[in-house]
Amino acid sequence: MARRAVIVDGVRSPFGRGRAGGALNPLHPVDLYAQVLRALIGRTGIDPAQVEDVITGCVLQVGEQAANIGRHGWLAAGFPETVPGVTLDRKCGSAEQALHFAAQGVIAGAYDIVVAGGVEMMSRVSMKSNRLGQDNLGPAFHSRYDAGLVHQGISAELIAARWHIGRDAMDAYALRSHQRAAAARDRGILARDLVPIELPGAEGPIVVDRDEGIRDDTTLDRLGGLKPAFADPQAERRFPEIRWSVTAGSSSQVTDGAAALLVMEEGLAARLGLTPRAAVTHFAVVGDDPLLALTGVTPATGKLLARAGRRIDEIDRFEVNEAFASVVLAWQRRTGADPERVNVDGGAIAFGHPVGASGGRLTLSLIAALEESGGRFGLQTMCESGGMANATLVERL
């Protein structure tokens, strides 16, 4: 009989602003992940010794996040030393890739119970700190891309130019992300999966229990007043089609956060008396143009749907990571997905994007949206540095 991988449950921390003074900044990344792992095991009630692996996404594996943070987080949580851990880097899709490996391992019979998660403390381990002062590409790569690749802000501008996505459309999308995230918070849909995080304080523990990035008071006027974030005369000479319309407001926020999912073989979950929330049924990962960098979500979506034998209109809810508004808007135009089914409770423009953990947040948001709407199928996809993308199909149970 074919084995099925199910998500029994999942949790995430609140997402804090990824800078000094951010809500989670005083906490070591290992300790943040440990609290999330303890919450996951505590609410599912399983014996932690039964977990066969802890697969963790983390992009900036340097400094406090170096040397296999997945293993360290598990041990810091006080769990059995007999359970191994591994940390992987698929850029922004790292936690989604962790889910892929976990579910694929269950389907193949390599695991029965596994944790898939992710963590990133961008306030303490800054972007690109793992490659400062180094050429991490090498001469053969440079010879292939002799004109040079660009950072993702320029890629987002190139996407906006190629698919004729204007500043007004991106600002309107950004406003919608904040409004939907605030509405989801206010009606309690985020509460099930959000676990309070404790920080040490001079007068006792400080509890962080709300996402810090949602801006209830933002408006189109405020968004419209922001300057383009990535204007660069050198890039302008190379790419005259760019109109410099991407701002900080239509980009994902630099963020701290962690997430974890308990993945199990379906029959074992039933024998343990657990009620799974969703089955992980199909997977896809693709490479795409590394100059545009962020367009892989479209071929990843197509590949996933082809494998599943599904049409885009059969999918009830979508989570497409809001690295930039132009990424999601271009994906919608290219796939024909109904925008009213996409990121219905907001996305990374509002919540933020702790790069190693965001895939877990997307999965939890997707499952919550299916549960609230009564939908059956959900698709999540994540653009990734270097022109890659993951896509995952889940079925609500």
Protein backbone atom coordinates (compact mmCIF):
# COMPACT_ATOMS: atom_id res chain seq x y z
CA MET A 1 0.00 0.00 0.00
CA ALA A 2 1.36 3.45 -0.92
CA ARG A 3 2.63 5.55 1.97
CA ARG A 4 1.36 9.11 2.44
CA ALA A 5 3.11 11.95 4.22
CA VAL A 6 0.90 14.12 6.41
CA ILE A 7 1.45 17.29 8.38
CA VAL A 8 0.13 16.54 11.84
CA ASP A 9 0.65 20.08 13.06
CA GLY A 10 2.92 23.08 12.85
CA VAL A 11 3.89 26.21 14.74
CA ARG A 12 5.82 29.38 14.15
CA SER A 13 7.17 32.22 16.19
CA PRO A 14 5.88 35.73 15.79
CA PHE A 15 7.96 37.47 13.14
CA GLY A 16 10.05 40.36 14.47
CA ARG A 17 11.69 43.18 12.59
CA GLY A 18 15.16 42.16 11.52
CA ARG A 19 17.15 44.96 13.07
CA ALA A 20 18.53 46.08 16.40
CA GLY A 21 15.52 46.93 18.51
CA GLY A 22 13.37 44.30 16.81
CA ALA A 23 11.16 42.32 19.15
CA LEU A 24 13.15 39.08 18.88
CA ASN A 25 16.62 40.61 18.51
CA PRO A 26 17.82 39.89 22.08
CA LEU A 27 17.35 36.14 21.59
CA HIS A 28 20.04 33.83 20.22
CA PRO A 29 18.83 32.08 17.01
CA VAL A 30 19.39 28.64 18.53
CA ASP A 31 17.21 29.57 21.50
CA LEU A 32 14.48 30.94 19.21
CA TYR A 33 14.39 27.68 17.26
CA ALA A 34 14.46 25.63 20.47
CA GLN A 35 11.33 27.37 21.77
CA VAL A 36 9.50 26.68 18.50
CA LEU A 37 10.54 23.01 18.56
CA ARG A 38 9.42 22.62 22.18
CA ALA A 39 6.05 24.12 21.32
CA LEU A 40 5.61 21.76 18.36
CA ILE A 41 6.40 18.62 20.32
CA GLY A 42 4.39 19.83 23.32
CA ARG A 43 1.16 20.42 21.43
CA THR A 44 1.31 17.19 19.42
CA GLY A 45 2.13 15.16 22.53
CA ILE A 46 4.46 12.71 20.80
CA ASP A 47 7.50 11.20 22.46
CA PRO A 48 10.41 13.31 21.07
CA ALA A 49 12.57 10.19 20.99
CA GLN A 50 10.36 8.91 18.16
CA VAL A 51 11.44 11.72 15.85
CA GLU A 52 13.92 10.31 13.34
CA ASP A 53 15.41 13.53 11.98
CA VAL A 54 15.16 17.31 12.27
CA ILE A 55 15.54 18.92 8.84
CA THR A 56 16.06 22.66 9.11
CA GLY A 57 16.32 25.49 6.62
CA CYS A 58 18.75 28.32 7.33
CA VAL A 59 20.33 30.55 4.69
CA LEU A 60 22.97 32.51 6.60
CA GLN A 61 24.87 29.63 8.16
CA VAL A 62 27.58 31.77 9.72
CA GLY A 63 28.28 33.13 13.19
CA GLU A 64 25.45 32.29 15.59
CA GLN A 65 23.66 30.29 12.88
CA ALA A 66 26.68 28.20 11.85
CA ALA A 67 27.55 24.55 12.41
CA ASN A 68 24.13 22.89 11.97
CA ILE A 69 21.61 25.04 13.83
CA GLY A 70 18.96 22.33 13.34
CA ARG A 71 20.88 19.95 15.57
CA HIS A 72 21.72 22.68 18.09
CA GLY A 73 18.12 23.88 18.31
CA TRP A 74 16.90 20.35 19.07
CA LEU A 75 19.46 19.84 21.83
CA ALA A 76 18.85 23.33 23.23
CA ALA A 77 15.17 22.37 23.50
CA GLY A 78 16.22 19.60 25.91
CA PHE A 79 15.25 16.75 23.59
CA PRO A 80 16.96 13.36 23.22
CA GLU A 81 20.53 13.33 21.93
CA THR A 82 19.65 10.24 19.87
CA VAL A 83 17.71 12.36 17.35
CA PRO A 84 19.93 13.74 14.54
CA GLY A 85 19.54 17.02 12.71
CA VAL A 86 20.63 18.54 9.41
CA THR A 87 20.60 22.10 8.11
CA LEU A 88 20.13 23.02 4.46
CA ASP A 89 20.28 26.12 2.28
CA ARG A 90 17.89 26.46 -0.66
CA LYS A 91 17.92 30.23 -0.19
CA CYS A 92 14.44 31.66 0.43
CA GLY A 93 12.90 28.23 -0.12
CA SER A 94 14.97 26.50 2.56
CA ALA A 95 12.11 25.63 4.92
CA GLU A 96 9.93 24.54 2.00
CA GLN A 97 12.78 22.31 0.81
CA ALA A 98 13.03 20.93 4.35
CA LEU A 99 9.35 19.98 4.07
CA HIS A 100 10.02 18.36 0.68
CA PHE A 101 12.86 16.24 2.05
CA ALA A 102 10.84 15.28 5.13
CA ALA A 103 7.73 14.26 3.17
CA GLN A 104 9.74 12.50 0.47
CA GLY A 105 11.58 10.57 3.16
CA VAL A 106 8.29 9.46 4.70
CA ILE A 107 6.85 8.43 1.32
CA ALA A 108 10.02 6.48 0.52
CA GLY A 109 9.99 4.68 3.86
CA ALA A 110 13.19 6.30 5.16
CA TYR A 111 11.27 8.03 7.97
CA ASP A 112 8.04 7.57 9.87
CA ILE A 113 8.26 10.75 11.95
CA VAL A 114 10.35 13.80 11.06
CA VAL A 115 10.42 17.51 11.87
CA ALA A 116 10.78 20.02 9.02
CA GLY A 117 11.53 23.59 9.99
CA GLY A 118 13.51 26.74 9.48
CA VAL A 119 15.03 29.65 11.35
CA GLU A 120 16.60 32.98 10.46
CA MET A 121 17.61 35.85 12.74
CA MET A 122 18.39 38.57 10.22
CA SER A 123 18.87 41.17 12.95
CA ARG A 124 21.81 39.20 14.36
CA VAL A 125 23.22 37.54 11.23
CA SER A 126 23.01 40.08 8.44
CA MET A 127 22.36 39.43 4.77
CA LYS A 128 25.47 38.38 2.81
CA SER A 129 27.52 38.05 6.02
CA ASN A 130 28.37 34.54 4.86
CA ARG A 131 30.28 35.85 1.86
CA LEU A 132 31.70 39.25 2.77
CA GLY A 133 35.09 39.85 1.22
CA GLN A 134 34.95 36.60 -0.72
CA ASP A 135 34.36 35.57 -4.31
CA ASN A 136 32.03 32.65 -3.73
CA LEU A 137 31.34 32.15 -7.45
CA GLY A 138 34.71 31.40 -9.03
CA PRO A 139 36.18 32.11 -12.46
CA ALA A 140 34.18 29.51 -14.42
CA PHE A 141 30.89 31.01 -13.20
CA HIS A 142 32.07 34.52 -14.01
CA SER A 143 33.11 33.45 -17.48
CA ARG A 144 29.61 32.13 -18.17
CA TYR A 145 27.88 35.25 -16.83
CA ASP A 146 30.48 37.76 -17.92
CA ALA A 147 28.04 40.67 -17.84
CA GLY A 148 27.36 39.84 -14.19
CA LEU A 149 24.24 38.99 -12.25
CA VAL A 150 22.38 41.59 -10.22
CA HIS A 151 20.90 41.74 -6.75
CA GLN A 152 17.26 40.83 -6.31
CA GLY A 153 16.00 44.41 -6.16
CA ILE A 154 17.19 44.92 -9.73
CA SER A 155 15.65 41.56 -10.68
CA ALA A 156 12.33 42.72 -9.24
CA GLU A 157 12.57 45.88 -11.36
CA LEU A 158 13.35 43.82 -14.47
CA ILE A 159 10.29 41.65 -13.81
CA ALA A 160 8.11 44.74 -13.42
CA ALA A 161 9.45 46.12 -16.71
CA ARG A 162 9.08 42.87 -18.67
CA TRP A 163 5.49 42.23 -17.58
CA HIS A 164 4.47 45.91 -17.61
CA ILE A 165 3.66 46.09 -13.91
CA GLY A 166 3.49 49.71 -12.82
CA ARG A 167 4.18 51.46 -9.54
CA ASP A 168 0.46 51.93 -8.79
CA ALA A 169 -0.24 48.20 -9.14
CA MET A 170 2.64 47.29 -6.84
CA ASP A 171 1.65 49.83 -4.19
CA ALA A 172 -1.96 48.61 -4.31
CA TYR A 173 -0.76 45.03 -3.90
CA ALA A 174 1.42 46.00 -0.93
CA LEU A 175 -1.51 47.75 0.76
CA ARG A 176 -3.65 44.67 0.23
CA SER A 177 -1.00 42.49 1.89
CA HIS A 178 -1.03 44.60 5.06
CA GLN A 179 -4.82 44.86 5.11
CA ARG A 180 -5.29 41.12 4.68
CA ALA A 181 -2.66 40.27 7.28
CA ALA A 182 -4.24 42.65 9.78
CA ALA A 183 -7.70 41.19 9.09
CA ALA A 184 -6.39 37.64 9.57
CA ARG A 185 -4.78 38.63 12.85
CA ASP A 186 -7.89 40.41 14.08
CA ARG A 187 -10.24 37.51 13.38
CA GLY A 188 -7.85 35.08 15.08
CA ILE A 189 -6.80 32.92 12.15
CA LEU A 190 -3.11 33.41 12.97
CA ALA A 191 -3.51 32.49 16.62
CA ARG A 192 -3.63 28.70 16.19
CA ASP A 193 -0.15 28.45 14.74
CA LEU A 194 1.57 31.34 16.51
CA VAL A 195 3.47 30.45 19.70
CA PRO A 196 4.57 33.11 22.19
CA ILE A 197 8.32 33.51 22.52
CA GLU A 198 9.96 34.36 25.84
CA LEU A 199 12.96 36.66 26.08
CA PRO A 200 14.98 37.36 29.21
CA GLY A 201 14.14 40.66 30.89
CA ALA A 202 15.50 42.55 33.86
CA GLU A 203 12.21 42.11 35.73
CA GLY A 204 11.27 38.69 34.39
CA PRO A 205 10.52 37.13 31.00
CA ILE A 206 9.32 39.34 28.17
CA VAL A 207 6.71 37.65 25.95
CA VAL A 208 6.50 38.35 22.22
CA ASP A 209 3.18 37.14 20.85
CA ARG A 210 2.42 39.34 17.80
CA ASP A 211 3.92 39.79 14.36
CA GLU A 212 5.80 43.07 14.29
CA GLY A 213 5.73 43.91 10.59
CA ILE A 214 2.01 44.37 9.93
CA ARG A 215 1.31 48.06 9.38
CA ASP A 216 -2.35 48.72 10.18
CA ASP A 217 -2.02 52.40 9.39
CA THR A 218 -0.37 52.26 5.97
CA THR A 219 -2.17 53.88 3.04
CA LEU A 220 -1.71 54.27 -0.69
CA ASP A 221 -0.56 57.82 -0.07
CA ARG A 222 2.14 56.67 2.32
CA LEU A 223 3.26 53.90 0.00
CA GLY A 224 3.21 56.29 -2.93
CA GLY A 225 5.51 58.67 -1.07
CA LEU A 226 8.32 56.12 -0.75
CA LYS A 227 11.33 56.53 -3.00
CA PRO A 228 12.49 53.69 -5.28
CA ALA A 229 14.70 51.46 -3.17
CA PHE A 230 17.14 50.14 -5.76
CA ALA A 231 17.87 52.99 -8.20
CA ASP A 232 21.36 52.51 -9.56
CA PRO A 233 22.89 54.55 -12.43
CA GLN A 234 25.08 51.65 -13.52
CA ALA A 235 22.10 49.27 -13.70
CA GLU A 236 20.10 51.95 -15.51
CA ARG A 237 22.72 52.15 -18.25
CA ARG A 238 22.67 48.37 -18.61
CA PHE A 239 18.87 48.01 -18.41
CA PRO A 240 17.26 51.15 -19.88
CA GLU A 241 13.82 49.50 -19.69
CA ILE A 242 13.78 49.80 -15.89
CA ARG A 243 11.47 52.50 -14.52
CA TRP A 244 12.55 52.35 -10.84
CA SER A 245 9.20 51.59 -9.31
CA VAL A 246 10.03 49.02 -6.59
CA THR A 247 10.13 50.52 -3.08
CA ALA A 248 10.68 49.25 0.44
CA GLY A 249 6.89 49.21 0.73
CA SER A 250 6.43 46.76 -2.15
CA SER A 251 9.29 44.52 -0.98
CA SER A 252 9.41 41.89 1.75
CA GLN A 253 10.71 43.01 5.13
CA VAL A 254 13.99 41.86 6.67
CA THR A 255 12.80 39.75 9.57
CA ASP A 256 13.55 37.36 12.44
CA GLY A 257 11.53 34.16 12.85
CA ALA A 258 11.30 30.39 13.06
CA ALA A 259 8.79 27.68 12.11
CA ALA A 260 8.47 23.91 12.45
CA LEU A 261 6.15 21.19 11.09
CA LEU A 262 5.63 17.63 12.30
CA VAL A 263 5.51 15.29 9.29
CA MET A 264 4.43 11.68 9.71
CA GLU A 265 3.35 8.57 7.84
CA GLU A 266 -0.44 8.70 7.68
CA GLY A 267 -1.10 5.22 9.06
CA LEU A 268 1.19 5.78 12.02
CA ALA A 269 -0.55 9.07 12.80
CA ALA A 270 -3.86 7.20 12.96
CA ARG A 271 -2.39 4.52 15.24
CA LEU A 272 -1.07 7.23 17.57
CA GLY A 273 -4.51 8.85 17.70
CA LEU A 274 -3.34 12.01 15.91
CA THR A 275 -5.50 13.93 13.43
CA PRO A 276 -3.41 15.32 10.56
CA ARG A 277 -4.22 18.72 9.09
CA ALA A 278 -3.00 18.10 5.53
CA ALA A 279 -1.27 15.62 3.25
CA VAL A 280 1.79 16.67 1.26
CA THR A 281 1.07 15.11 -2.12
CA HIS A 282 3.32 16.55 -4.84
CA PHE A 283 6.60 18.44 -5.13
CA ALA A 284 8.55 20.39 -7.74
CA VAL A 285 11.80 22.30 -7.81
CA VAL A 286 13.16 24.13 -10.85
CA GLY A 287 15.96 26.34 -12.05
CA ASP A 288 15.29 29.43 -14.14
CA ASP A 289 17.05 32.54 -15.42
CA PRO A 290 19.49 33.66 -12.68
CA LEU A 291 19.46 37.25 -13.94
CA LEU A 292 15.72 37.63 -13.47
CA ALA A 293 16.28 35.34 -10.46
CA LEU A 294 12.70 35.42 -9.14
CA THR A 295 10.64 34.06 -12.05
CA GLY A 296 11.02 30.35 -11.24
CA VAL A 297 7.69 30.31 -9.42
CA THR A 298 5.88 30.14 -12.77
CA PRO A 299 7.60 27.04 -14.22
CA ALA A 300 7.59 25.46 -10.75
CA THR A 301 3.82 25.92 -10.59
CA GLY A 302 3.40 24.43 -14.06
CA LYS A 303 5.63 21.46 -13.28
CA LEU A 304 3.78 20.77 -10.03
CA LEU A 305 0.34 20.93 -11.61
CA ALA A 306 1.43 18.62 -14.43
CA ARG A 307 2.72 16.07 -11.93
CA ALA A 308 -0.49 16.25 -9.95
CA GLY A 309 -2.73 16.17 -13.03
CA ARG A 310 -4.48 19.35 -11.84
CA ARG A 311 -5.52 22.60 -13.50
CA ILE A 312 -4.82 25.98 -11.97
CA ASP A 313 -8.56 26.55 -11.42
CA GLU A 314 -8.79 23.38 -9.31
CA ILE A 315 -6.54 24.89 -6.64
CA ASP A 316 -8.51 26.48 -3.82
CA ARG A 317 -5.77 28.56 -2.20
CA PHE A 318 -2.29 29.72 -3.18
CA GLU A 319 0.64 31.00 -1.18
CA VAL A 320 3.20 32.75 -3.39
CA ASN A 321 6.01 34.32 -1.43
CA GLU A 322 5.88 38.10 -1.60
CA ALA A 323 9.59 38.67 -2.06
CA PHE A 324 8.44 41.67 -4.09
CA ALA A 325 4.98 42.64 -5.29
CA SER A 326 6.16 42.37 -8.91
CA VAL A 327 6.98 38.67 -8.41
CA VAL A 328 3.43 37.73 -7.36
CA LEU A 329 1.75 39.99 -9.93
CA ALA A 330 3.86 38.57 -12.77
CA TRP A 331 3.13 35.02 -11.55
CA GLN A 332 -0.62 35.76 -11.55
CA ARG A 333 -0.50 37.10 -15.09
CA ARG A 334 1.51 34.16 -16.38
CA THR A 335 -0.49 31.40 -14.66
CA GLY A 336 -3.99 32.89 -14.81
CA ALA A 337 -4.54 32.17 -11.11
CA ASP A 338 -7.54 33.87 -9.50
CA PRO A 339 -6.06 36.73 -7.40
CA GLU A 340 -8.82 36.27 -4.84
CA ARG A 341 -7.34 32.87 -3.98
CA VAL A 342 -3.75 34.13 -3.65
CA ASN A 343 -2.22 35.10 -0.29
CA VAL A 344 -5.66 35.63 1.15
CA ASP A 345 -4.28 36.43 4.61
CA GLY A 346 -1.39 38.62 3.53
CA GLY A 347 2.19 37.73 2.81
CA ALA A 348 5.83 38.62 3.34
CA ILE A 349 5.30 42.29 2.48
CA ALA A 350 3.31 42.47 5.74
CA PHE A 351 4.64 39.62 7.87
CA GLY A 352 8.25 39.83 6.76
CA HIS A 353 10.60 37.28 5.26
CA PRO A 354 13.03 35.49 7.61
CA VAL A 355 14.57 33.74 4.63
CA GLY A 356 15.33 30.32 6.15
CA ALA A 357 11.95 30.07 7.88
CA SER A 358 9.48 31.63 5.45
CA GLY A 359 8.57 28.36 3.75
CA GLY A 360 7.16 27.11 7.05
CA ARG A 361 5.06 30.25 7.46
CA LEU A 362 3.68 29.82 3.96
CA THR A 363 2.68 26.21 4.67
CA LEU A 364 0.91 27.15 7.89
CA SER A 365 -0.86 30.08 6.20
CA LEU A 366 -1.93 27.82 3.33
CA ILE A 367 -3.35 25.14 5.62
CA ALA A 368 -5.14 27.74 7.76
CA ALA A 369 -6.69 29.32 4.65
CA LEU A 370 -7.91 25.92 3.44
CA GLU A 371 -9.36 25.13 6.85
CA GLU A 372 -11.19 28.44 7.06
CA SER A 373 -12.57 28.27 3.52
CA GLY A 374 -13.28 24.53 3.40
CA GLY A 375 -11.04 24.23 0.34
CA ARG A 376 -9.32 20.99 -0.53
CA PHE A 377 -6.13 21.75 -2.50
CA GLY A 378 -3.48 24.34 -1.73
CA LEU A 379 -0.36 25.26 -3.66
CA GLN A 380 2.63 27.16 -2.31
CA THR A 381 5.63 28.35 -4.27
CA MET A 382 8.72 30.32 -3.38
CA CYS A 383 11.21 32.17 -5.59
CA GLU A 384 14.84 31.69 -4.61
CA SER A 385 18.16 33.39 -5.21
CA GLY A 386 20.02 32.13 -8.24
CA GLY A 387 16.88 31.60 -10.31
CA MET A 388 15.36 28.65 -8.46
CA ALA A 389 11.91 27.91 -7.05
CA ASN A 390 10.11 25.24 -5.05
CA ALA A 391 6.44 24.38 -5.30
CA THR A 392 4.33 22.13 -3.05
CA LEU A 393 0.79 20.77 -3.30
CA VAL A 394 -1.10 19.96 -0.12
CA GLU A 395 -4.51 18.44 0.43
CA ARG A 396 -6.54 19.45 3.47
CA LEU A 397 -7.65 16.50 5.55
